[in-house]
Amino acid sequence: MAGDLSRAGGPSEVRASHADRDQVVDVLRVAAGDGRLTLEELEERLEAALSARTVGELAVLTVDLPEETGGRGAEAQEVDRIEQEGSSTRRGDGWVVPRRLEIRSAWGEVTLDFTDAVITRDTLDIELDMRAGALRLLTRPGVVVDTGGLVANYSQIKARAAADGPVVLRVRITGEIDYGQIVVRPPRRGFGRRSPKG
């Protein structure tokens, strides 16, 4: 009977392994990159996948997705580069987060907005070479920023974490910043609120 169950895919009560969870997480991230899941749906399903105990709990998270979601849609670059002097650059509005980002900036500002970013990988390595400028990272729940490998000379690092949630993306910043500033914060809220009448 065990052989019949394994050929049929196994009972839904079978305990899920780390590999099972990782596979579902990969499918969900690719589906979001293809535009099949909204950011809210992705976050909900990632949280459920990471806390799933059985194969059945994992199966329901991808039942409405095609078996092969990769190969088309948003593809993350391996390496992206920003080089500027005396100007500003912004990545936002659904940008696809690469595996590695090299930033060379002097007398300018770089803004990386993750609130609507398409995240298909679990890490982003940023190699920074910045002089007299600012690097701003607008995060969302699940985006964690690590500046432990960064050399900051006469520079300031201000970091405010977004609300807690399952880690979707770990951003590791290395390199060097001189006479500059790094700001990590969630996006500001309240712009759409109405003013009280009175």
C-alpha atoms as a PDB file:
ATOM      1  CA  MET A   1       0.000   0.000   0.000  1.00  0.00           C
ATOM      2  CA  ALA A   2       2.872   2.345   0.710  1.00  0.00           C
ATOM      3  CA  GLY A   3       4.038   1.881  -2.873  1.00  0.00           C
ATOM      4  CA  ASP A   4       0.595   2.803  -4.206  1.00  0.00           C
ATOM      5  CA  LEU A   5       0.527   5.949  -2.097  1.00  0.00           C
ATOM      6  CA  SER A   6       3.971   7.063  -3.266  1.00  0.00           C
ATOM      7  CA  ARG A   7       3.006   6.526  -6.913  1.00  0.00           C
ATOM      8  CA  ALA A   8      -0.109   8.630  -6.354  1.00  0.00           C
ATOM      9  CA  GLY A   9       1.953  11.471  -4.919  1.00  0.00           C
ATOM     10  CA  GLY A  10       1.687  10.492  -1.280  1.00  0.00           C
ATOM     11  CA  PRO A  11      -1.046  11.193   1.287  1.00  0.00           C
ATOM     12  CA  SER A  12      -1.677  14.837   2.130  1.00  0.00           C
ATOM     13  CA  GLU A  13      -0.978  14.082   5.806  1.00  0.00           C
ATOM     14  CA  VAL A  14       2.688  13.296   5.121  1.00  0.00           C
ATOM     15  CA  ARG A  15       4.987  15.688   6.961  1.00  0.00           C
ATOM     16  CA  ALA A  16       6.586  18.331   4.713  1.00  0.00           C
ATOM     17  CA  SER A  17      10.370  18.586   4.538  1.00  0.00           C
ATOM     18  CA  HIS A  18      12.483  21.726   4.210  1.00  0.00           C
ATOM     19  CA  ALA A  19      13.004  20.832   0.545  1.00  0.00           C
ATOM     20  CA  ASP A  20       9.222  20.593   0.023  1.00  0.00           C
ATOM     21  CA  ARG A  21       8.717  24.048   1.513  1.00  0.00           C
ATOM     22  CA  ASP A  22      11.608  25.539  -0.475  1.00  0.00           C
ATOM     23  CA  GLN A  23      10.194  24.153  -3.719  1.00  0.00           C
ATOM     24  CA  VAL A  24       6.786  25.717  -3.084  1.00  0.00           C
ATOM     25  CA  VAL A  25       8.396  29.036  -2.102  1.00  0.00           C
ATOM     26  CA  ASP A  26      10.282  29.035  -5.427  1.00  0.00           C
ATOM     27  CA  VAL A  27       7.081  28.326  -7.372  1.00  0.00           C
ATOM     28  CA  LEU A  28       5.267  31.150  -5.561  1.00  0.00           C
ATOM     29  CA  ARG A  29       8.053  33.661  -6.200  1.00  0.00           C
ATOM     30  CA  VAL A  30       8.190  32.819  -9.904  1.00  0.00           C
ATOM     31  CA  ALA A  31       4.389  33.031 -10.123  1.00  0.00           C
ATOM     32  CA  ALA A  32       4.498  36.498  -8.571  1.00  0.00           C
ATOM     33  CA  GLY A  33       7.217  37.473 -11.029  1.00  0.00           C
ATOM     34  CA  ASP A  34       4.946  36.299 -13.871  1.00  0.00           C
ATOM     35  CA  GLY A  35       2.132  38.470 -12.514  1.00  0.00           C
ATOM     36  CA  ARG A  36      -0.010  35.505 -11.435  1.00  0.00           C
ATOM     37  CA  LEU A  37      -0.035  36.551  -7.766  1.00  0.00           C
ATOM     38  CA  THR A  38      -0.392  39.975  -6.203  1.00  0.00           C
ATOM     39  CA  LEU A  39       2.110  41.085  -3.573  1.00  0.00           C
ATOM     40  CA  GLU A  40      -0.485  40.511  -0.859  1.00  0.00           C
ATOM     41  CA  GLU A  41      -1.211  36.994  -2.121  1.00  0.00           C
ATOM     42  CA  LEU A  42       2.505  36.246  -2.332  1.00  0.00           C
ATOM     43  CA  GLU A  43       3.122  37.350   1.243  1.00  0.00           C
ATOM     44  CA  GLU A  44       0.155  35.353   2.554  1.00  0.00           C
ATOM     45  CA  ARG A  45       1.175  32.198   0.697  1.00  0.00           C
ATOM     46  CA  LEU A  46       4.847  32.513   1.634  1.00  0.00           C
ATOM     47  CA  GLU A  47       3.887  32.732   5.296  1.00  0.00           C
ATOM     48  CA  ALA A  48       1.627  29.695   4.935  1.00  0.00           C
ATOM     49  CA  ALA A  49       4.328  27.754   3.052  1.00  0.00           C
ATOM     50  CA  LEU A  50       6.999  28.430   5.641  1.00  0.00           C
ATOM     51  CA  SER A  51       4.706  27.321   8.470  1.00  0.00           C
ATOM     52  CA  ALA A  52       3.144  24.339   6.659  1.00  0.00           C
ATOM     53  CA  ARG A  53       3.483  21.017   8.437  1.00  0.00           C
ATOM     54  CA  THR A  54       2.139  18.643   5.796  1.00  0.00           C
ATOM     55  CA  VAL A  55       2.424  18.104   2.043  1.00  0.00           C
ATOM     56  CA  GLY A  56      -1.320  18.726   1.769  1.00  0.00           C
ATOM     57  CA  GLU A  57      -1.007  22.186   3.294  1.00  0.00           C
ATOM     58  CA  LEU A  58       1.664  23.006   0.720  1.00  0.00           C
ATOM     59  CA  ALA A  59      -0.326  21.580  -2.213  1.00  0.00           C
ATOM     60  CA  VAL A  60      -3.255  23.977  -1.764  1.00  0.00           C
ATOM     61  CA  LEU A  61      -0.894  26.955  -2.093  1.00  0.00           C
ATOM     62  CA  THR A  62      -0.042  26.148  -5.726  1.00  0.00           C
ATOM     63  CA  VAL A  63      -3.193  24.318  -6.887  1.00  0.00           C
ATOM     64  CA  ASP A  64      -4.339  27.339  -8.957  1.00  0.00           C
ATOM     65  CA  LEU A  65      -0.922  27.869 -10.575  1.00  0.00           C
ATOM     66  CA  PRO A  66       0.429  26.159 -13.715  1.00  0.00           C
ATOM     67  CA  GLU A  67       2.941  23.397 -13.114  1.00  0.00           C
ATOM     68  CA  GLU A  68       5.654  25.316 -14.938  1.00  0.00           C
ATOM     69  CA  THR A  69       5.554  29.040 -14.189  1.00  0.00           C
ATOM     70  CA  GLY A  70       9.159  29.784 -15.014  1.00  0.00           C
ATOM     71  CA  GLY A  71      10.773  30.712 -18.281  1.00  0.00           C
ATOM     72  CA  ARG A  72       8.404  33.552 -19.132  1.00  0.00           C
ATOM     73  CA  GLY A  73       7.407  36.813 -17.534  1.00  0.00           C
ATOM     74  CA  ALA A  74       9.696  38.816 -15.287  1.00  0.00           C
ATOM     75  CA  GLU A  75      13.235  37.513 -15.217  1.00  0.00           C
ATOM     76  CA  ALA A  76      15.664  38.820 -12.638  1.00  0.00           C
ATOM     77  CA  GLN A  77      19.060  39.859 -13.930  1.00  0.00           C
ATOM     78  CA  GLU A  78      22.127  38.352 -12.376  1.00  0.00           C
ATOM     79  CA  VAL A  79      23.865  41.737 -12.102  1.00  0.00           C
ATOM     80  CA  ASP A  80      22.486  45.263 -12.402  1.00  0.00           C
ATOM     81  CA  ARG A  81      24.650  48.404 -12.306  1.00  0.00           C
ATOM     82  CA  ILE A  82      24.009  52.011 -11.387  1.00  0.00           C
ATOM     83  CA  GLU A  83      26.762  54.490 -12.252  1.00  0.00           C
ATOM     84  CA  GLN A  84      26.167  58.193 -11.805  1.00  0.00           C
ATOM     85  CA  GLU A  85      27.749  61.482 -10.825  1.00  0.00           C
ATOM     86  CA  GLY A  86      25.765  64.462  -9.617  1.00  0.00           C
ATOM     87  CA  SER A  87      22.400  62.893 -10.434  1.00  0.00           C
ATOM     88  CA  SER A  88      19.684  60.710  -8.917  1.00  0.00           C
ATOM     89  CA  THR A  89      18.485  57.218  -9.800  1.00  0.00           C
ATOM     90  CA  ARG A  90      15.369  55.401  -8.634  1.00  0.00           C
ATOM     91  CA  ARG A  91      14.318  51.766  -8.927  1.00  0.00           C
ATOM     92  CA  GLY A  92      10.622  51.253  -8.249  1.00  0.00           C
ATOM     93  CA  ASP A  93       7.180  50.681  -9.773  1.00  0.00           C
ATOM     94  CA  GLY A  94       7.484  46.911 -10.121  1.00  0.00           C
ATOM     95  CA  TRP A  95      11.224  46.656 -10.819  1.00  0.00           C
ATOM     96  CA  VAL A  96      12.590  43.120 -10.889  1.00  0.00           C
ATOM     97  CA  VAL A  97      15.156  42.729  -8.118  1.00  0.00           C
ATOM     98  CA  PRO A  98      18.460  41.268  -9.418  1.00  0.00           C
ATOM     99  CA  ARG A  99      20.742  38.885  -7.586  1.00  0.00           C
ATOM    100  CA  ARG A 100      23.505  41.514  -7.373  1.00  0.00           C
ATOM    101  CA  LEU A 101      23.482  45.307  -7.678  1.00  0.00           C
ATOM    102  CA  GLU A 102      26.663  47.354  -8.144  1.00  0.00           C
ATOM    103  CA  ILE A 103      26.295  51.039  -7.290  1.00  0.00           C
ATOM    104  CA  ARG A 104      28.928  53.649  -8.134  1.00  0.00           C
ATOM    105  CA  SER A 105      27.695  57.108  -7.167  1.00  0.00           C
ATOM    106  CA  ALA A 106      29.248  60.507  -6.428  1.00  0.00           C
ATOM    107  CA  TRP A 107      27.282  63.557  -5.320  1.00  0.00           C
ATOM    108  CA  GLY A 108      23.974  61.873  -6.035  1.00  0.00           C
ATOM    109  CA  GLU A 109      21.111  59.887  -4.577  1.00  0.00           C
ATOM    110  CA  VAL A 110      19.973  56.316  -5.234  1.00  0.00           C
ATOM    111  CA  THR A 111      16.531  55.144  -4.139  1.00  0.00           C
ATOM    112  CA  LEU A 112      15.565  51.458  -4.131  1.00  0.00           C
ATOM    113  CA  ASP A 113      11.834  51.053  -3.549  1.00  0.00           C
ATOM    114  CA  PHE A 114      10.865  47.479  -2.625  1.00  0.00           C
ATOM    115  CA  THR A 115       7.193  48.175  -1.874  1.00  0.00           C
ATOM    116  CA  ASP A 116       6.030  47.045  -5.336  1.00  0.00           C
ATOM    117  CA  ALA A 117       9.205  45.248  -6.428  1.00  0.00           C
ATOM    118  CA  VAL A 118       9.085  41.819  -8.070  1.00  0.00           C
ATOM    119  CA  ILE A 119      11.164  39.538  -5.850  1.00  0.00           C
ATOM    120  CA  THR A 120      12.104  36.194  -7.395  1.00  0.00           C
ATOM    121  CA  ARG A 121      15.167  35.427  -5.272  1.00  0.00           C
ATOM    122  CA  ASP A 122      15.776  35.371  -1.553  1.00  0.00           C
ATOM    123  CA  THR A 123      18.930  37.539  -1.473  1.00  0.00           C
ATOM    124  CA  LEU A 124      20.178  40.756  -3.039  1.00  0.00           C
ATOM    125  CA  ASP A 125      23.862  41.633  -2.697  1.00  0.00           C
ATOM    126  CA  ILE A 126      24.596  45.348  -3.085  1.00  0.00           C
ATOM    127  CA  GLU A 127      28.197  46.393  -3.658  1.00  0.00           C
ATOM    128  CA  LEU A 128      28.337  50.092  -2.856  1.00  0.00           C
ATOM    129  CA  ASP A 129      30.922  52.713  -3.775  1.00  0.00           C
ATOM    130  CA  MET A 130      29.350  56.036  -2.800  1.00  0.00           C
ATOM    131  CA  ARG A 131      30.874  59.470  -2.229  1.00  0.00           C
ATOM    132  CA  ALA A 132      28.909  62.351  -0.718  1.00  0.00           C
ATOM    133  CA  GLY A 133      25.477  61.016  -1.501  1.00  0.00           C
ATOM    134  CA  ALA A 134      22.564  59.034  -0.141  1.00  0.00           C
ATOM    135  CA  LEU A 135      21.258  55.506  -0.578  1.00  0.00           C
ATOM    136  CA  ARG A 136      17.604  55.118   0.384  1.00  0.00           C
ATOM    137  CA  LEU A 137      15.880  51.742   0.697  1.00  0.00           C
ATOM    138  CA  LEU A 138      12.093  51.730   1.063  1.00  0.00           C
ATOM    139  CA  THR A 139      11.252  48.336   2.524  1.00  0.00           C
ATOM    140  CA  ARG A 140       8.128  46.300   3.148  1.00  0.00           C
ATOM    141  CA  PRO A 141       7.380  43.420   5.562  1.00  0.00           C
ATOM    142  CA  GLY A 142       9.734  40.544   4.824  1.00  0.00           C
ATOM    143  CA  VAL A 143      12.570  42.678   3.420  1.00  0.00           C
ATOM    144  CA  VAL A 144      15.562  42.611   5.785  1.00  0.00           C
ATOM    145  CA  VAL A 145      18.608  44.853   5.265  1.00  0.00           C
ATOM    146  CA  ASP A 146      22.088  43.977   6.588  1.00  0.00           C
ATOM    147  CA  THR A 147      24.752  46.727   6.582  1.00  0.00           C
ATOM    148  CA  GLY A 148      27.241  44.794   8.721  1.00  0.00           C
ATOM    149  CA  GLY A 149      29.711  44.392   5.852  1.00  0.00           C
ATOM    150  CA  LEU A 150      29.695  48.076   4.876  1.00  0.00           C
ATOM    151  CA  VAL A 151      32.556  50.493   5.638  1.00  0.00           C
ATOM    152  CA  ALA A 152      31.074  53.896   6.531  1.00  0.00           C
ATOM    153  CA  ASN A 153      33.537  56.801   6.655  1.00  0.00           C
ATOM    154  CA  TYR A 154      32.091  60.017   8.076  1.00  0.00           C
ATOM    155  CA  SER A 155      28.693  58.670   7.114  1.00  0.00           C
ATOM    156  CA  GLN A 156      25.386  57.986   8.833  1.00  0.00           C
ATOM    157  CA  ILE A 157      23.205  54.876   8.730  1.00  0.00           C
ATOM    158  CA  LYS A 158      19.549  55.255   9.737  1.00  0.00           C
ATOM    159  CA  ALA A 159      17.599  52.008   9.721  1.00  0.00           C
ATOM    160  CA  ARG A 160      13.977  51.465  10.682  1.00  0.00           C
ATOM    161  CA  ALA A 161      12.549  48.020  10.052  1.00  0.00           C
ATOM    162  CA  ALA A 162       9.184  47.384   8.438  1.00  0.00           C
ATOM    163  CA  ALA A 163       6.577  45.340  10.271  1.00  0.00           C
ATOM    164  CA  ASP A 164       7.496  41.770  11.126  1.00  0.00           C
ATOM    165  CA  GLY A 165       6.733  39.026   8.630  1.00  0.00           C
ATOM    166  CA  PRO A 166       8.323  36.016   6.951  1.00  0.00           C
ATOM    167  CA  VAL A 167      11.639  36.951   5.321  1.00  0.00           C
ATOM    168  CA  VAL A 168      11.060  37.345   1.581  1.00  0.00           C
ATOM    169  CA  LEU A 169      14.300  39.122   0.692  1.00  0.00           C
ATOM    170  CA  ARG A 170      17.588  39.592   2.539  1.00  0.00           C
ATOM    171  CA  VAL A 171      19.540  42.634   1.282  1.00  0.00           C
ATOM    172  CA  ARG A 172      23.265  42.558   2.087  1.00  0.00           C
ATOM    173  CA  ILE A 173      25.136  45.831   1.587  1.00  0.00           C
ATOM    174  CA  THR A 174      28.928  45.742   1.355  1.00  0.00           C
ATOM    175  CA  GLY A 175      31.523  48.171   0.027  1.00  0.00           C
ATOM    176  CA  GLU A 176      32.192  51.715   1.179  1.00  0.00           C
ATOM    177  CA  ILE A 177      30.417  55.040   1.667  1.00  0.00           C
ATOM    178  CA  ASP A 178      32.217  58.326   2.365  1.00  0.00           C
ATOM    179  CA  TYR A 179      30.533  61.501   3.620  1.00  0.00           C
ATOM    180  CA  GLY A 180      27.124  60.073   2.840  1.00  0.00           C
ATOM    181  CA  GLN A 181      23.979  58.617   4.315  1.00  0.00           C
ATOM    182  CA  ILE A 182      22.067  55.350   4.150  1.00  0.00           C
ATOM    183  CA  VAL A 183      18.388  55.398   5.069  1.00  0.00           C
ATOM    184  CA  VAL A 184      16.355  52.193   5.457  1.00  0.00           C
ATOM    185  CA  ARG A 185      12.688  52.677   6.203  1.00  0.00           C
ATOM    186  CA  PRO A 186       9.184  51.533   5.292  1.00  0.00           C
ATOM    187  CA  PRO A 187       7.240  53.802   2.908  1.00  0.00           C
ATOM    188  CA  ARG A 188       5.461  56.711   4.514  1.00  0.00           C
ATOM    189  CA  ARG A 189       1.771  56.234   5.158  1.00  0.00           C
ATOM    190  CA  GLY A 190      -1.087  58.656   5.471  1.00  0.00           C
ATOM    191  CA  PHE A 191      -0.839  60.563   2.198  1.00  0.00           C
ATOM    192  CA  GLY A 192      -4.302  59.352   1.200  1.00  0.00           C
ATOM    193  CA  ARG A 193      -6.013  60.222   4.479  1.00  0.00           C
ATOM    194  CA  ARG A 194      -8.659  62.858   4.449  1.00  0.00           C
ATOM    195  CA  SER A 195      -8.278  65.929   6.578  1.00  0.00           C
ATOM    196  CA  PRO A 196     -10.761  66.003   9.444  1.00  0.00           C
ATOM    197  CA  LYS A 197     -13.599  68.448   8.889  1.00  0.00           C
ATOM    198  CA  GLY A 198     -14.085  71.175  11.363  1.00  0.00           C
END
